[in-house]
Amino acid sequence: MDKNQLRRLRSILNESYYIQNTVNDLNIFARLTNSQFTLKLESVKIIPFFKEIIIQIINQEVWENINFSFEFNDELQNSKISIEKNLISRVVHNIIYNSILHNPEGCNVNISLHRDKEFLIITIEDDGIGIANDKLLSIHDSNNNFKELILFTFHFKSSLMNFNNLF
């Protein structure tokens, strides 16, 4: 397989992960809106939980030009949080996939965790190309249902991250 074919294959794999996660998110949303979903909260150690997510992503071996870093305050090392593990894992996976999908030439992805009073602050950022202003406006103004669905999914995932009294 030549370099071009390999790059295209990586792109297809990345997009398929993204589509699979979006479909799963829609299923979760449907269950939530139909009151058929209850959170299964578990007490987990924060740092090992996030390390496991990052390792799962790295082990997919399709992120050739992506560098990951993980930073956290030492005070979180033995701290626990009560969360729905599968949902939070999905949120983090989807945010990281989004960074990777929109930076085909590669980027650095930094995941950092710190505590602010009773809140866990999770920051996921990349140094990729970002989205052009005109494209951002076209997504915002578009009547294209798929784009609206993606934005809605992101909004829905973001709302799952608003926790109170985590510690």
Foldseek 3Di string as FASTA:
>chain_A
DDPVVLLVVLLVVLVVVLVVLLVVLVVVVVCVVVVNDDADKDKDQPPVLVVVLVVVVVVVVSQVQEAEEEEEDPVSRRHIFIGRSVLVSSLVVNVVSVVRNVASVYWYWYWYWYDDPQAIDIDIDIPGDDDDPVVVVCLVPDPPPVSVSVVVSNVVSVVSRDDPRGD
